[in-house]
Amino acid sequence: MQAFPGNIGAPATRALTAARYTRLSQLANVPTSELKNLHGVGPQALRLLQEALEEHGMSLGWRGAPALVIQHLASGHP
């Protein structure tokens, strides 16, 4: 599988690489709570990563319905 989408931004890419994630497929089923604790990975990056994973039939690990979690993250609320 491919590298991370370029549109997630350099800070998110650096944070994921520092956490030893080097390919998009490695993020399948990783809890969003783990990823959002990485400095540089924000709601927009999570949304874009989720969309990229969905293109390959995968998803981030979620607690609850993915659409509701994405909407919550995009709202900027903790």
C-alpha atoms as a PDB file:
ATOM      1  CA  MET A   1       0.000   0.000   0.000  1.00  0.00           C
ATOM      2  CA  GLN A   2       0.978   3.573  -0.551  1.00  0.00           C
ATOM      3  CA  ALA A   3       2.595   6.121   1.689  1.00  0.00           C
ATOM      4  CA  PHE A   4       0.489   8.658   3.548  1.00  0.00           C
ATOM      5  CA  PRO A   5      -1.562  11.107   1.494  1.00  0.00           C
ATOM      6  CA  GLY A   6       0.415  14.303   0.938  1.00  0.00           C
ATOM      7  CA  ASN A   7      -2.538  16.464   1.899  1.00  0.00           C
ATOM      8  CA  ILE A   8      -2.318  15.501   5.599  1.00  0.00           C
ATOM      9  CA  GLY A   9       0.529  17.987   6.015  1.00  0.00           C
ATOM     10  CA  ALA A  10       4.159  17.761   7.026  1.00  0.00           C
ATOM     11  CA  PRO A  11       3.592  17.890  10.825  1.00  0.00           C
ATOM     12  CA  ALA A  12       1.216  14.904  10.712  1.00  0.00           C
ATOM     13  CA  THR A  13       3.530  12.980   8.400  1.00  0.00           C
ATOM     14  CA  ARG A  14       6.496  13.604  10.714  1.00  0.00           C
ATOM     15  CA  ALA A  15       4.484  12.574  13.774  1.00  0.00           C
ATOM     16  CA  LEU A  16       3.337   9.326  12.163  1.00  0.00           C
ATOM     17  CA  THR A  17       6.846   8.520  10.960  1.00  0.00           C
ATOM     18  CA  ALA A  18       8.284   9.220  14.424  1.00  0.00           C
ATOM     19  CA  ALA A  19       5.714   6.775  15.821  1.00  0.00           C
ATOM     20  CA  ARG A  20       7.073   4.192  13.329  1.00  0.00           C
ATOM     21  CA  TYR A  21       4.125   4.262  10.951  1.00  0.00           C
ATOM     22  CA  THR A  22       5.536   4.366   7.433  1.00  0.00           C
ATOM     23  CA  ARG A  23       2.628   3.176   5.272  1.00  0.00           C
ATOM     24  CA  LEU A  24      -1.055   4.014   5.185  1.00  0.00           C
ATOM     25  CA  SER A  25      -2.019   0.352   5.623  1.00  0.00           C
ATOM     26  CA  GLN A  26      -0.304   0.284   9.033  1.00  0.00           C
ATOM     27  CA  LEU A  27      -2.967   2.683  10.320  1.00  0.00           C
ATOM     28  CA  ALA A  28      -5.845   0.283   9.654  1.00  0.00           C
ATOM     29  CA  ASN A  29      -7.660  -0.353  12.937  1.00  0.00           C
ATOM     30  CA  VAL A  30      -5.300   1.880  14.941  1.00  0.00           C
ATOM     31  CA  PRO A  31      -7.486   3.717  17.459  1.00  0.00           C
ATOM     32  CA  THR A  32      -7.996   7.379  16.685  1.00  0.00           C
ATOM     33  CA  SER A  33      -7.339   8.104  20.362  1.00  0.00           C
ATOM     34  CA  GLU A  34      -3.790   6.821  19.863  1.00  0.00           C
ATOM     35  CA  LEU A  35      -3.232   8.847  16.702  1.00  0.00           C
ATOM     36  CA  LYS A  36      -4.678  12.108  17.982  1.00  0.00           C
ATOM     37  CA  ASN A  37      -2.235  11.974  20.897  1.00  0.00           C
ATOM     38  CA  LEU A  38       0.608  12.382  18.405  1.00  0.00           C
ATOM     39  CA  HIS A  39       1.707  16.019  18.236  1.00  0.00           C
ATOM     40  CA  GLY A  40       0.886  17.186  14.717  1.00  0.00           C
ATOM     41  CA  VAL A  41      -2.014  14.824  14.033  1.00  0.00           C
ATOM     42  CA  GLY A  42      -5.232  16.787  14.251  1.00  0.00           C
ATOM     43  CA  PRO A  43      -8.855  16.351  13.201  1.00  0.00           C
ATOM     44  CA  GLN A  44      -8.218  17.234   9.564  1.00  0.00           C
ATOM     45  CA  ALA A  45      -5.345  14.748   9.241  1.00  0.00           C
ATOM     46  CA  LEU A  46      -7.479  12.026  10.849  1.00  0.00           C
ATOM     47  CA  ARG A  47     -10.316  12.739   8.430  1.00  0.00           C
ATOM     48  CA  LEU A  48      -7.996  12.624   5.427  1.00  0.00           C
ATOM     49  CA  LEU A  49      -6.344   9.417   6.626  1.00  0.00           C
ATOM     50  CA  GLN A  50      -9.760   7.828   7.151  1.00  0.00           C
ATOM     51  CA  GLU A  51     -10.848   8.813   3.645  1.00  0.00           C
ATOM     52  CA  ALA A  52      -7.628   7.394   2.156  1.00  0.00           C
ATOM     53  CA  LEU A  53      -8.049   4.126   4.071  1.00  0.00           C
ATOM     54  CA  GLU A  54     -11.675   3.825   2.956  1.00  0.00           C
ATOM     55  CA  GLU A  55     -10.516   3.986  -0.670  1.00  0.00           C
ATOM     56  CA  HIS A  56      -8.729   0.699   0.062  1.00  0.00           C
ATOM     57  CA  GLY A  57     -11.555  -0.899   2.064  1.00  0.00           C
ATOM     58  CA  MET A  58      -9.976  -0.182   5.465  1.00  0.00           C
ATOM     59  CA  SER A  59     -10.647   2.127   8.375  1.00  0.00           C
ATOM     60  CA  LEU A  60      -9.050   3.653  11.428  1.00  0.00           C
ATOM     61  CA  GLY A  61     -10.033   2.098  14.749  1.00  0.00           C
ATOM     62  CA  TRP A  62     -13.098   3.866  16.088  1.00  0.00           C
ATOM     63  CA  ARG A  63     -15.206   3.838  19.191  1.00  0.00           C
ATOM     64  CA  GLY A  64     -18.681   4.443  17.861  1.00  0.00           C
ATOM     65  CA  ALA A  65     -19.865   5.224  14.346  1.00  0.00           C
ATOM     66  CA  PRO A  66     -17.045   6.547  12.133  1.00  0.00           C
ATOM     67  CA  ALA A  67     -19.092   9.376  10.644  1.00  0.00           C
ATOM     68  CA  LEU A  68     -20.015  10.664  14.102  1.00  0.00           C
ATOM     69  CA  VAL A  69     -16.417  10.504  15.296  1.00  0.00           C
ATOM     70  CA  ILE A  70     -15.158  12.358  12.218  1.00  0.00           C
ATOM     71  CA  GLN A  71     -17.842  15.000  12.662  1.00  0.00           C
ATOM     72  CA  HIS A  72     -16.876  15.382  16.325  1.00  0.00           C
ATOM     73  CA  LEU A  73     -13.159  15.651  15.536  1.00  0.00           C
ATOM     74  CA  ALA A  74     -13.785  18.182  12.777  1.00  0.00           C
ATOM     75  CA  SER A  75     -15.791  20.343  15.184  1.00  0.00           C
ATOM     76  CA  GLY A  76     -12.628  21.042  17.189  1.00  0.00           C
ATOM     77  CA  HIS A  77     -14.086  19.846  20.471  1.00  0.00           C
ATOM     78  CA  PRO A  78     -11.995  17.546  22.683  1.00  0.00           C
END
